[in-house]
Amino acid sequence: MAGGKQTPRQRMIGILYLVLLGLIALSIPDSLMDAFKNITDSLDQSRTNVTTGIDNTYSAFEKTKLKEQPQRAKPIYDKAKEASRIAEELTSYIETLRKQLVTEGGGINETTNDVNKRDNVDISPRLMVNGGKAAELKAKIESTRSKLLNLLDAEDREGVNFSLSTADLKRKGASDKSWETAYFGDGIPLGAAITTLSKIQADTKNAENEIVKKLLGQVDEAVVNLDKFAAVAVAPTSYVIAGQPYTAEVFLTASDSKSSPSITVNGSSLQVADGKGKYSVGTSREGVYTWIGKITVKQTDGTIKEYSTPPQTYQVARPSAVVSPDKMNVLYIGVPNPISVSAPGIPKEKLRVSIQGGSVTGSGGKYTANVSSIGTATVTVSGEVAPGKTQVLGSTLFRVKRIPDPKAQFAGKSSGSTSAANIRGQDRIFAKLENFEFDAKFNVTRFTLYVAKPRQDVIMVSTSGNQVSPQMRAALNSVTPGTKVIFGNIIAVGPDGSQRGLDDIVISAN
């Protein structure tokens, strides 16, 4: 302030300026900010505990109801998962806001484990109110609340009271404050704004928990009206191998452990247990058979009602198996030969595959056969046709062959002509299989090089391996147009371990 004589107005402005400086110098007590931090930590821990409870609820539901009543439980389970997804969208959005506020507040102080500028009263109003984040958050909260409630039936929504709310702040003797201003507006310290966001996250998790439990609890509600009955027959399979018993269950869909209906099949009574009758008959003869089950039930008024199953048909067939090669109608020595195995009426996991003249590995219908000698190999398939009973289903004879000889190549050629420069630029020969289904590799172990120039003596050099030796390199570097380059005595070893003598390579340089 300037010295000299001042007007009363100037003196008043000066006094107000000093008062303002004094107010700015005042800081919010650390004890108050510590209290906000403690509340935030408590809310975060509470949210973690609720999350654990929800996860345990899902886990228990998956292990019981979802396995025991999949058709009824799966739609309800999916709806509960949708509630979790809706809640997670809001929680993730709020977490983004928290990170923005912490960043604006200078990050986390290692001493207090709280945001550095936790007592700052400008950041929250600037970002949340003036920046429109609070209004956006309010809209997302209201949308989340509405989506969660809409997952419930109308009658189930009654009595649901979420703390997840965006109601304006009502004040006696003063004008009301909007939700945005009340929790993020002027005078709200940064630490308090973060606590508010933590509370909203906890409220969201509690709302999710209430919806999930209400939805999953629907599975335990009564869904069967016993005045409506339907006769049902269930057989494990309609295709039966001779010697394997045909078994089927005949029961009421509305049955319970206390019901004792009278159940017959083709006039013969069945033994009933827990409201179900089990029909079992021998299958010594081939053919197609049909049966009808009848269920007689005494109603609550004393009357008798009879229900019939639809006609049930099953076939009795001779044992059979199908073995098919995946690549060729032979098995090759030195490579894994994939084969597929199936048997009509027998689950793939119940099959057992063996081979005479080799070894076989695999499961689930997909197997790999390995053979070691030329000739034939027999693949035999057995299956579990009844609990504890295994039966040979069939066998197939395969031819066993060696892998065909590969073609030797130098400069990409087995014969013909190429430029002298191309010949001079190569350093090894290869043995490649042509038009063969398997990925079988051959390694060249030795060969002899002949370089024949017009009107000159032939140069001959031998080496081991598939790379040209220094002497061969010197001979190849002298190749000019008109020179014949010959590779002979080529020996290669394949995956079966046998040595193969390969055809010569004859190349003319141009």
Protein backbone atom coordinates (compact mmCIF):
# COMPACT_ATOMS: atom_id res chain seq x y z
CA MET A 1 0.00 0.00 0.00
CA ALA A 2 1.26 3.50 -0.83
CA GLY A 3 1.99 6.07 1.89
CA GLY A 4 0.45 9.55 2.16
CA LYS A 5 -3.03 10.78 2.91
CA GLN A 6 -5.75 8.29 1.92
CA THR A 7 -9.50 8.59 1.53
CA PRO A 8 -11.75 6.50 3.81
CA ARG A 9 -12.55 4.26 0.84
CA GLN A 10 -8.86 3.64 0.18
CA ARG A 11 -8.26 2.82 3.85
CA MET A 12 -11.20 0.36 3.84
CA ILE A 13 -9.85 -1.41 0.74
CA GLY A 14 -6.44 -1.67 2.36
CA ILE A 15 -7.92 -3.18 5.53
CA LEU A 16 -9.93 -5.73 3.49
CA TYR A 17 -6.79 -6.65 1.56
CA LEU A 18 -4.94 -7.35 4.80
CA VAL A 19 -7.85 -9.44 6.07
CA LEU A 20 -7.86 -11.43 2.81
CA LEU A 21 -4.14 -12.09 3.12
CA GLY A 22 -4.73 -13.32 6.63
CA LEU A 23 -7.48 -15.67 5.51
CA ILE A 24 -5.32 -17.05 2.74
CA ALA A 25 -2.53 -17.61 5.22
CA LEU A 26 -4.85 -19.74 7.35
CA SER A 27 -4.72 -23.46 6.48
CA ILE A 28 -7.23 -26.23 7.08
CA PRO A 29 -6.08 -28.21 10.16
CA ASP A 30 -4.13 -31.39 9.39
CA SER A 31 -6.29 -33.24 11.89
CA LEU A 32 -9.35 -32.55 9.74
CA MET A 33 -7.59 -33.71 6.57
CA ASP A 34 -6.33 -36.80 8.42
CA ALA A 35 -9.94 -37.59 9.30
CA PHE A 36 -10.94 -37.39 5.62
CA LYS A 37 -8.00 -39.68 4.74
CA ASN A 38 -9.07 -42.22 7.36
CA ILE A 39 -12.64 -42.21 6.03
CA THR A 40 -11.34 -42.70 2.47
CA ASP A 41 -9.20 -45.67 3.56
CA SER A 42 -12.14 -47.17 5.44
CA LEU A 43 -14.44 -46.80 2.42
CA ASP A 44 -11.85 -48.36 0.10
CA GLN A 45 -11.41 -51.30 2.47
CA SER A 46 -15.17 -51.70 2.75
CA ARG A 47 -15.42 -51.75 -1.04
CA THR A 48 -12.72 -54.43 -1.18
CA ASN A 49 -14.60 -56.52 1.37
CA VAL A 50 -17.85 -56.23 -0.58
CA THR A 51 -16.01 -57.19 -3.78
CA THR A 52 -14.67 -60.29 -2.05
CA GLY A 53 -18.19 -61.14 -0.89
CA ILE A 54 -19.58 -60.78 -4.41
CA ASP A 55 -16.79 -62.97 -5.82
CA ASN A 56 -17.53 -65.63 -3.20
CA THR A 57 -21.24 -65.46 -4.07
CA TYR A 58 -20.44 -66.01 -7.75
CA SER A 59 -18.06 -68.86 -6.93
CA ALA A 60 -20.61 -70.67 -4.77
CA PHE A 61 -23.31 -70.18 -7.41
CA GLU A 62 -21.05 -71.53 -10.17
CA LYS A 63 -20.17 -74.63 -8.16
CA THR A 64 -23.78 -75.45 -7.23
CA LYS A 65 -26.74 -73.88 -9.04
CA LEU A 66 -24.97 -73.30 -12.36
CA LYS A 67 -23.92 -76.95 -12.51
CA GLU A 68 -27.11 -78.42 -11.06
CA GLN A 69 -29.63 -76.27 -12.97
CA PRO A 70 -27.75 -74.84 -15.96
CA GLN A 71 -30.78 -74.08 -18.11
CA ARG A 72 -32.50 -72.09 -15.38
CA ALA A 73 -29.41 -70.68 -13.67
CA LYS A 74 -27.45 -69.51 -16.74
CA PRO A 75 -29.79 -66.64 -17.80
CA ILE A 76 -29.98 -65.43 -14.20
CA TYR A 77 -26.20 -65.73 -13.83
CA ASP A 78 -25.66 -63.73 -17.04
CA LYS A 79 -28.01 -61.00 -15.78
CA ALA A 80 -26.08 -60.80 -12.49
CA LYS A 81 -22.84 -60.53 -14.43
CA GLU A 82 -24.40 -57.66 -16.41
CA ALA A 83 -25.05 -55.88 -13.10
CA SER A 84 -21.38 -56.26 -12.21
CA ARG A 85 -20.36 -54.94 -15.61
CA ILE A 86 -22.61 -51.88 -15.24
CA ALA A 87 -21.25 -51.15 -11.77
CA GLU A 88 -17.66 -51.63 -12.93
CA GLU A 89 -18.11 -49.03 -15.69
CA LEU A 90 -19.04 -46.39 -13.11
CA THR A 91 -16.33 -47.49 -10.66
CA SER A 92 -13.66 -47.31 -13.38
CA TYR A 93 -14.84 -43.86 -14.46
CA ILE A 94 -14.65 -42.59 -10.85
CA GLU A 95 -11.18 -44.09 -10.50
CA THR A 96 -10.13 -42.00 -13.51
CA LEU A 97 -11.47 -38.86 -11.77
CA ARG A 98 -9.58 -39.75 -8.57
CA LYS A 99 -6.33 -40.08 -10.50
CA GLN A 100 -6.91 -36.71 -12.17
CA LEU A 101 -7.51 -35.02 -8.81
CA VAL A 102 -4.42 -36.67 -7.29
CA THR A 103 -2.31 -35.55 -10.27
CA GLU A 104 -3.61 -31.98 -9.97
CA GLY A 105 -2.88 -32.17 -6.24
CA GLY A 106 0.81 -32.89 -6.79
CA GLY A 107 0.70 -36.65 -6.38
CA ILE A 108 0.91 -38.69 -3.18
CA ASN A 109 2.94 -37.46 -0.20
CA GLU A 110 5.08 -40.31 1.16
CA THR A 111 4.83 -38.99 4.72
CA THR A 112 1.05 -38.66 4.95
CA ASN A 113 0.29 -41.26 2.25
CA ASP A 114 -2.24 -38.67 1.07
CA VAL A 115 -2.39 -36.24 -1.82
CA ASN A 116 0.10 -33.41 -1.37
CA LYS A 117 -2.37 -30.53 -1.77
CA ARG A 118 -5.14 -32.20 0.18
CA ASP A 119 -6.19 -28.88 1.81
CA ASN A 120 -6.39 -27.03 -1.51
CA VAL A 121 -9.90 -25.59 -2.03
CA ASP A 122 -9.49 -24.51 -5.65
CA ILE A 123 -8.75 -27.77 -7.51
CA SER A 124 -12.07 -29.53 -6.89
CA PRO A 125 -14.31 -26.56 -7.92
CA ARG A 126 -12.16 -25.89 -10.97
CA LEU A 127 -12.07 -29.45 -12.32
CA MET A 128 -15.35 -30.87 -11.06
CA VAL A 129 -17.79 -27.94 -11.16
CA ASN A 130 -16.34 -25.42 -13.61
CA GLY A 131 -14.88 -28.21 -15.76
CA GLY A 132 -18.22 -30.06 -15.87
CA LYS A 133 -16.87 -33.32 -14.45
CA ALA A 134 -19.33 -33.30 -11.52
CA ALA A 135 -22.32 -32.92 -13.83
CA GLU A 136 -21.00 -35.74 -16.01
CA LEU A 137 -20.47 -37.90 -12.92
CA LYS A 138 -24.00 -37.16 -11.72
CA ALA A 139 -25.45 -38.27 -15.05
CA LYS A 140 -23.44 -41.51 -14.96
CA ILE A 141 -24.56 -42.26 -11.39
CA GLU A 142 -28.22 -41.76 -12.30
CA SER A 143 -27.80 -43.90 -15.43
CA THR A 144 -26.08 -46.66 -13.45
CA ARG A 145 -28.79 -46.61 -10.79
CA SER A 146 -31.49 -46.88 -13.44
CA LYS A 147 -29.73 -49.71 -15.31
CA LEU A 148 -29.23 -51.73 -12.13
CA LEU A 149 -32.86 -51.38 -11.07
CA ASN A 150 -34.09 -52.30 -14.55
CA LEU A 151 -32.38 -55.69 -14.20
CA LEU A 152 -34.99 -56.56 -11.55
CA ASP A 153 -38.63 -57.34 -12.14
CA ALA A 154 -41.08 -54.60 -11.16
CA GLU A 155 -42.13 -56.35 -7.95
CA ASP A 156 -38.52 -56.96 -6.91
CA ARG A 157 -37.66 -53.26 -7.19
CA GLU A 158 -39.92 -52.47 -4.27
CA GLY A 159 -37.96 -52.13 -1.10
CA VAL A 160 -34.66 -51.58 -2.88
CA ASN A 161 -33.05 -48.52 -1.34
CA PHE A 162 -29.69 -47.55 -2.80
CA SER A 163 -27.36 -45.13 -1.06
CA LEU A 164 -26.15 -44.43 -4.58
CA SER A 165 -27.93 -41.09 -4.93
CA THR A 166 -27.40 -37.61 -6.45
CA ALA A 167 -30.10 -35.71 -4.50
CA ASP A 168 -29.51 -31.98 -3.95
CA LEU A 169 -28.59 -30.84 -0.44
CA LYS A 170 -31.63 -29.54 1.49
CA ARG A 171 -30.85 -26.77 4.05
CA LYS A 172 -33.23 -25.25 6.59
CA GLY A 173 -33.42 -21.48 6.44
CA ALA A 174 -31.18 -21.28 3.39
CA SER A 175 -31.38 -22.02 -0.28
CA ASP A 176 -30.72 -25.60 -1.37
CA LYS A 177 -27.36 -26.57 -2.81
CA SER A 178 -27.01 -28.62 -5.97
CA TRP A 179 -25.39 -32.04 -5.60
CA GLU A 180 -22.40 -30.92 -7.64
CA THR A 181 -21.78 -27.76 -5.58
CA ALA A 182 -22.43 -29.42 -2.23
CA TYR A 183 -19.76 -32.09 -2.71
CA PHE A 184 -17.26 -30.52 -5.12
CA GLY A 185 -17.90 -26.75 -5.11
CA ASP A 186 -16.30 -23.73 -3.48
CA GLY A 187 -14.69 -24.34 -0.12
CA ILE A 188 -14.41 -28.13 -0.58
CA PRO A 189 -10.83 -29.29 0.11
CA LEU A 190 -9.25 -31.66 -2.39
CA GLY A 191 -9.02 -34.41 0.25
CA ALA A 192 -12.75 -34.16 0.95
CA ALA A 193 -13.57 -34.40 -2.78
CA ILE A 194 -11.50 -37.59 -3.04
CA THR A 195 -13.34 -38.99 -0.01
CA THR A 196 -16.65 -38.25 -1.75
CA LEU A 197 -15.50 -40.16 -4.84
CA SER A 198 -14.45 -43.07 -2.64
CA LYS A 199 -17.91 -43.06 -1.01
CA ILE A 200 -19.60 -43.17 -4.41
CA GLN A 201 -17.44 -46.16 -5.38
CA ALA A 202 -18.41 -47.93 -2.16
CA ASP A 203 -22.10 -47.09 -2.72
CA THR A 204 -21.83 -48.46 -6.26
CA LYS A 205 -20.31 -51.72 -5.02
CA ASN A 206 -23.05 -52.05 -2.37
CA ALA A 207 -25.72 -51.46 -5.02
CA GLU A 208 -24.10 -54.11 -7.22
CA ASN A 209 -24.05 -56.51 -4.27
CA GLU A 210 -27.76 -55.99 -3.56
CA ILE A 211 -28.74 -56.52 -7.21
CA VAL A 212 -26.51 -59.59 -7.64
CA LYS A 213 -27.88 -61.27 -4.52
CA LYS A 214 -31.48 -60.53 -5.48
CA LEU A 215 -30.94 -61.94 -8.97
CA LEU A 216 -29.07 -65.07 -7.95
CA GLY A 217 -31.61 -65.70 -5.21
CA GLN A 218 -34.30 -66.17 -7.85
CA VAL A 219 -32.98 -69.66 -8.58
CA ASP A 220 -34.12 -70.81 -5.13
CA GLU A 221 -37.69 -69.59 -5.68
CA ALA A 222 -40.33 -72.19 -6.50
CA VAL A 223 -40.70 -72.59 -10.26
CA VAL A 224 -42.77 -75.77 -10.57
CA ASN A 225 -46.52 -75.73 -10.43
CA LEU A 226 -47.50 -79.25 -9.54
CA ASP A 227 -50.88 -79.03 -11.26
CA LYS A 228 -49.07 -79.20 -14.60
CA PHE A 229 -47.30 -82.44 -15.43
CA ALA A 230 -45.31 -83.66 -18.39
CA ALA A 231 -43.98 -87.15 -18.95
CA VAL A 232 -40.33 -87.29 -19.95
CA ALA A 233 -38.07 -90.16 -21.04
CA VAL A 234 -34.31 -89.68 -21.22
CA ALA A 235 -31.89 -92.27 -22.57
CA PRO A 236 -28.11 -91.84 -22.57
CA THR A 237 -27.97 -92.98 -26.21
CA SER A 238 -30.21 -94.38 -28.91
CA TYR A 239 -27.35 -96.26 -30.57
CA VAL A 240 -26.34 -99.41 -28.70
CA ILE A 241 -23.70 -102.01 -29.48
CA ALA A 242 -24.74 -105.65 -29.16
CA GLY A 243 -24.06 -106.84 -25.63
CA GLN A 244 -24.37 -103.33 -24.18
CA PRO A 245 -27.57 -102.75 -22.11
CA TYR A 246 -29.98 -100.06 -23.20
CA THR A 247 -30.87 -97.78 -20.27
CA ALA A 248 -33.35 -94.91 -20.02
CA GLU A 249 -34.99 -92.83 -17.27
CA VAL A 250 -38.74 -92.21 -17.24
CA PHE A 251 -39.88 -89.48 -14.84
CA LEU A 252 -42.15 -86.50 -14.24
CA THR A 253 -40.68 -83.09 -14.75
CA ALA A 254 -42.61 -81.95 -11.64
CA SER A 255 -41.55 -84.88 -9.50
CA ASP A 256 -40.01 -84.60 -6.05
CA SER A 257 -38.38 -87.02 -3.65
CA LYS A 258 -41.73 -87.77 -1.95
CA SER A 259 -43.74 -88.60 -5.05
CA SER A 260 -44.41 -92.25 -5.90
CA PRO A 261 -46.11 -92.43 -9.29
CA SER A 262 -46.85 -95.72 -11.00
CA ILE A 263 -44.61 -96.08 -14.08
CA THR A 264 -44.85 -98.81 -16.74
CA VAL A 265 -43.13 -99.48 -20.05
CA ASN A 266 -44.97 -101.61 -22.60
CA GLY A 267 -47.16 -102.88 -19.75
CA SER A 268 -44.31 -103.87 -17.40
CA SER A 269 -43.99 -101.99 -14.11
CA LEU A 270 -40.77 -100.21 -13.24
CA GLN A 271 -39.19 -99.79 -9.84
CA VAL A 272 -39.60 -96.14 -8.75
CA ALA A 273 -37.13 -94.17 -6.66
CA ASP A 274 -37.26 -90.38 -6.00
CA GLY A 275 -40.14 -90.08 -8.44
CA LYS A 276 -38.18 -91.71 -11.30
CA GLY A 277 -38.39 -95.12 -12.91
CA LYS A 278 -35.38 -96.69 -14.64
CA TYR A 279 -36.01 -98.84 -17.72
CA SER A 280 -33.32 -101.40 -18.61
CA VAL A 281 -33.54 -104.19 -21.18
CA GLY A 282 -31.08 -106.60 -22.78
CA THR A 283 -29.72 -106.03 -26.29
CA SER A 284 -28.72 -109.46 -27.54
CA ARG A 285 -30.30 -108.99 -30.97
CA GLU A 286 -29.68 -106.36 -33.63
CA GLY A 287 -32.51 -104.14 -34.82
CA VAL A 288 -34.60 -101.03 -34.12
CA TYR A 289 -36.83 -101.04 -31.04
CA THR A 290 -39.56 -98.65 -29.83
CA TRP A 291 -41.15 -98.29 -26.41
CA ILE A 292 -43.64 -95.98 -24.63
CA GLY A 293 -43.69 -95.21 -20.93
CA LYS A 294 -46.86 -94.44 -18.95
CA ILE A 295 -46.99 -92.56 -15.64
CA THR A 296 -50.04 -92.71 -13.38
CA VAL A 297 -50.36 -89.94 -10.76
CA LYS A 298 -52.89 -89.47 -8.00
CA GLN A 299 -54.02 -85.83 -7.83
CA THR A 300 -54.64 -83.88 -4.62
CA ASP A 301 -58.39 -84.27 -5.12
CA GLY A 302 -58.06 -88.07 -5.30
CA THR A 303 -58.52 -88.40 -9.05
CA ILE A 304 -56.08 -90.40 -11.17
CA LYS A 305 -54.31 -88.96 -14.22
CA GLU A 306 -52.19 -90.84 -16.71
CA TYR A 307 -49.39 -89.36 -18.80
CA SER A 308 -47.57 -91.05 -21.68
CA THR A 309 -44.11 -90.40 -23.06
CA PRO A 310 -43.56 -89.86 -26.78
CA PRO A 311 -42.43 -93.07 -28.56
CA GLN A 312 -38.76 -93.76 -27.81
CA THR A 313 -36.62 -95.52 -30.44
CA TYR A 314 -33.20 -97.11 -30.10
CA GLN A 315 -31.01 -99.17 -32.39
CA VAL A 316 -28.91 -102.22 -31.56
CA ALA A 317 -25.95 -102.68 -33.92
CA ARG A 318 -22.87 -104.85 -34.21
CA PRO A 319 -19.57 -103.50 -32.83
CA SER A 320 -17.80 -101.23 -35.32
CA ALA A 321 -15.00 -98.72 -35.42
CA VAL A 322 -13.66 -96.25 -37.94
CA VAL A 323 -9.91 -95.61 -38.33
CA SER A 324 -8.86 -93.20 -41.04
CA PRO A 325 -5.39 -91.88 -41.94
CA ASP A 326 -5.25 -88.08 -41.84
CA LYS A 327 -2.77 -87.75 -44.70
CA MET A 328 -2.27 -90.92 -46.77
CA ASN A 329 -3.39 -94.54 -46.86
CA VAL A 330 -0.01 -95.65 -45.49
CA LEU A 331 2.14 -95.12 -42.42
CA TYR A 332 5.68 -93.80 -42.96
CA ILE A 333 8.80 -94.72 -40.99
CA GLY A 334 10.56 -91.90 -39.15
CA VAL A 335 7.70 -89.38 -38.96
CA PRO A 336 4.65 -89.06 -36.66
CA ASN A 337 1.61 -90.30 -38.59
CA PRO A 338 -1.65 -88.62 -37.43
CA ILE A 339 -4.75 -90.84 -37.45
CA SER A 340 -8.35 -90.17 -36.42
CA VAL A 341 -10.35 -92.83 -34.56
CA SER A 342 -14.10 -92.90 -33.86
CA ALA A 343 -16.68 -95.52 -32.97
CA PRO A 344 -20.42 -94.88 -33.44
CA GLY A 345 -22.19 -94.77 -30.09
CA ILE A 346 -18.98 -94.66 -28.02
CA PRO A 347 -17.68 -91.34 -26.62
CA LYS A 348 -14.18 -90.55 -27.87
CA GLU A 349 -12.82 -90.37 -24.34
CA LYS A 350 -13.91 -93.99 -23.81
CA LEU A 351 -11.83 -95.32 -26.73
CA ARG A 352 -8.49 -97.13 -26.39
CA VAL A 353 -6.15 -97.41 -29.39
CA SER A 354 -3.16 -99.75 -29.81
CA ILE A 355 -0.92 -100.72 -32.71
CA GLN A 356 0.99 -103.90 -33.56
CA GLY A 357 4.32 -103.09 -35.18
CA GLY A 358 4.79 -99.63 -33.69
CA SER A 359 3.56 -97.27 -30.99
CA VAL A 360 0.59 -94.90 -30.70
CA THR A 361 -0.12 -91.86 -28.50
CA GLY A 362 -2.98 -89.38 -28.19
CA SER A 363 -6.57 -89.13 -26.95
CA GLY A 364 -9.99 -87.71 -27.79
CA GLY A 365 -10.13 -89.29 -31.26
CA LYS A 366 -6.79 -87.79 -32.40
CA TYR A 367 -3.75 -90.08 -32.28
CA THR A 368 -0.19 -90.29 -33.60
CA ALA A 369 1.28 -93.57 -34.83
CA ASN A 370 5.03 -94.26 -35.10
CA VAL A 371 6.38 -97.25 -37.03
CA SER A 372 9.92 -98.51 -37.50
CA SER A 373 10.02 -101.30 -40.11
CA ILE A 374 8.71 -101.81 -43.63
CA GLY A 375 5.70 -104.10 -43.94
CA THR A 376 2.32 -103.75 -42.22
CA ALA A 377 0.94 -102.50 -38.91
CA THR A 378 -2.45 -103.23 -37.35
CA VAL A 379 -4.35 -100.55 -35.43
CA THR A 380 -6.85 -101.98 -32.93
CA VAL A 381 -9.65 -99.97 -31.28
CA SER A 382 -11.33 -100.93 -27.99
CA GLY A 383 -14.07 -99.08 -26.16
CA GLU A 384 -15.83 -98.98 -22.81
CA VAL A 385 -19.30 -100.20 -23.79
CA ALA A 386 -20.55 -100.29 -20.19
CA PRO A 387 -19.15 -99.22 -16.83
CA GLY A 388 -16.17 -101.48 -16.17
CA LYS A 389 -16.62 -103.40 -19.45
CA THR A 390 -14.23 -102.94 -22.39
CA GLN A 391 -14.78 -104.52 -25.80
CA VAL A 392 -12.71 -104.71 -29.01
CA LEU A 393 -14.57 -102.68 -31.62
CA GLY A 394 -12.46 -103.30 -34.69
CA SER A 395 -9.00 -103.19 -36.30
CA THR A 396 -7.45 -101.83 -39.48
CA LEU A 397 -4.35 -103.02 -41.40
CA PHE A 398 -1.97 -100.31 -42.67
CA ARG A 399 0.94 -100.59 -45.10
CA VAL A 400 4.26 -99.29 -43.74
CA LYS A 401 6.68 -97.60 -46.16
CA ARG A 402 9.92 -95.67 -46.15
CA ILE A 403 9.82 -91.97 -46.86
CA PRO A 404 10.54 -91.42 -50.60
CA ASP A 405 14.04 -90.34 -51.64
CA PRO A 406 14.46 -86.56 -51.81
CA LYS A 407 15.90 -84.63 -54.76
CA ALA A 408 19.35 -83.08 -54.41
CA GLN A 409 19.49 -79.40 -55.40
CA PHE A 410 22.23 -76.82 -55.92
CA ALA A 411 21.44 -73.22 -56.78
CA GLY A 412 17.77 -74.26 -56.64
CA LYS A 413 18.21 -76.83 -59.43
CA SER A 414 18.53 -80.59 -59.78
CA SER A 415 19.49 -80.30 -63.47
CA GLY A 416 19.41 -77.86 -66.35
CA SER A 417 21.30 -74.59 -66.66
CA THR A 418 21.87 -71.39 -64.77
CA SER A 419 24.23 -68.44 -64.87
CA ALA A 420 27.87 -68.88 -63.95
CA ALA A 421 27.46 -66.06 -61.42
CA ASN A 422 24.62 -67.93 -59.70
CA ILE A 423 26.77 -71.06 -59.44
CA ARG A 424 29.70 -69.10 -58.03
CA GLY A 425 27.38 -67.53 -55.41
CA GLN A 426 26.18 -70.81 -53.83
CA ASP A 427 27.84 -72.57 -50.91
CA ARG A 428 25.89 -75.79 -50.23
CA ILE A 429 23.55 -78.45 -51.62
CA PHE A 430 20.17 -79.46 -50.25
CA ALA A 431 17.99 -82.59 -50.23
CA LYS A 432 14.31 -81.71 -50.65
CA LEU A 433 11.17 -83.84 -50.77
CA GLU A 434 8.78 -82.95 -53.56
CA ASN A 435 5.00 -83.50 -53.34
CA PHE A 436 5.21 -85.22 -49.94
CA GLU A 437 2.56 -84.56 -47.28
CA PHE A 438 4.86 -84.75 -44.25
CA ASP A 439 7.41 -82.24 -43.05
CA ALA A 440 10.36 -84.64 -43.24
CA LYS A 441 13.89 -83.21 -43.47
CA PHE A 442 16.97 -84.83 -45.03
CA ASN A 443 20.55 -83.78 -44.31
CA VAL A 444 23.29 -84.25 -46.92
CA THR A 445 26.29 -85.95 -45.28
CA ARG A 446 28.78 -86.12 -48.20
CA PHE A 447 29.13 -85.46 -51.93
CA THR A 448 31.70 -85.08 -54.74
CA LEU A 449 32.05 -82.03 -57.00
CA TYR A 450 33.11 -82.30 -60.66
CA VAL A 451 33.92 -79.14 -62.63
CA ALA A 452 34.35 -79.81 -66.38
CA LYS A 453 35.58 -76.89 -68.51
CA PRO A 454 35.83 -77.14 -72.27
CA ARG A 455 39.19 -78.61 -73.37
CA GLN A 456 40.46 -78.89 -69.77
CA ASP A 457 40.91 -81.69 -67.30
CA VAL A 458 37.96 -82.34 -64.97
CA ILE A 459 38.40 -81.02 -61.42
CA MET A 460 37.13 -83.52 -58.77
CA VAL A 461 36.82 -82.70 -55.05
CA SER A 462 34.96 -84.60 -52.28
CA THR A 463 33.78 -83.38 -48.87
CA SER A 464 31.61 -84.27 -45.87
CA GLY A 465 28.45 -82.43 -44.91
CA ASN A 466 26.40 -80.30 -47.29
CA GLN A 467 28.67 -77.22 -47.58
CA VAL A 468 31.30 -76.72 -50.26
CA SER A 469 34.88 -77.03 -48.99
CA PRO A 470 37.56 -74.36 -49.60
CA GLN A 471 38.94 -76.48 -52.50
CA MET A 472 35.43 -76.70 -53.95
CA ARG A 473 35.01 -72.94 -53.52
CA ALA A 474 38.19 -72.35 -55.53
CA ALA A 475 36.93 -74.66 -58.27
CA LEU A 476 33.47 -73.03 -58.36
CA ASN A 477 35.00 -69.54 -58.52
CA SER A 478 36.61 -70.52 -61.80
CA VAL A 479 33.28 -71.46 -63.42
CA THR A 480 32.60 -69.60 -66.66
CA PRO A 481 29.89 -69.96 -69.32
CA GLY A 482 30.12 -73.35 -70.97
CA THR A 483 31.33 -75.11 -67.83
CA LYS A 484 29.51 -78.21 -66.59
CA VAL A 485 29.15 -78.53 -62.81
CA ILE A 486 28.32 -82.01 -61.54
CA PHE A 487 27.57 -83.17 -58.00
CA GLY A 488 27.78 -86.94 -57.56
CA ASN A 489 28.06 -89.58 -54.87
CA ILE A 490 25.48 -87.61 -52.86
CA ILE A 491 24.52 -89.28 -49.59
CA ALA A 492 21.67 -87.96 -47.36
CA VAL A 493 20.16 -89.14 -44.08
CA GLY A 494 16.44 -88.71 -43.33
CA PRO A 495 14.32 -88.86 -40.16
CA ASP A 496 14.26 -92.68 -40.29
CA GLY A 497 18.07 -92.72 -39.90
CA SER A 498 18.80 -94.57 -43.15
CA GLN A 499 21.37 -93.34 -45.69
CA ARG A 500 20.05 -92.55 -49.17
CA GLY A 501 22.12 -92.29 -52.33
CA LEU A 502 20.62 -89.44 -54.37
CA ASP A 503 20.63 -88.74 -58.10
CA ASP A 504 23.49 -86.65 -59.50
CA ILE A 505 23.05 -82.95 -60.11
CA VAL A 506 24.20 -81.82 -63.59
CA ILE A 507 24.12 -78.07 -64.24
CA SER A 508 25.43 -76.16 -67.26
CA ALA A 509 26.77 -72.61 -66.70
CA ASN A 510 25.65 -69.93 -69.14
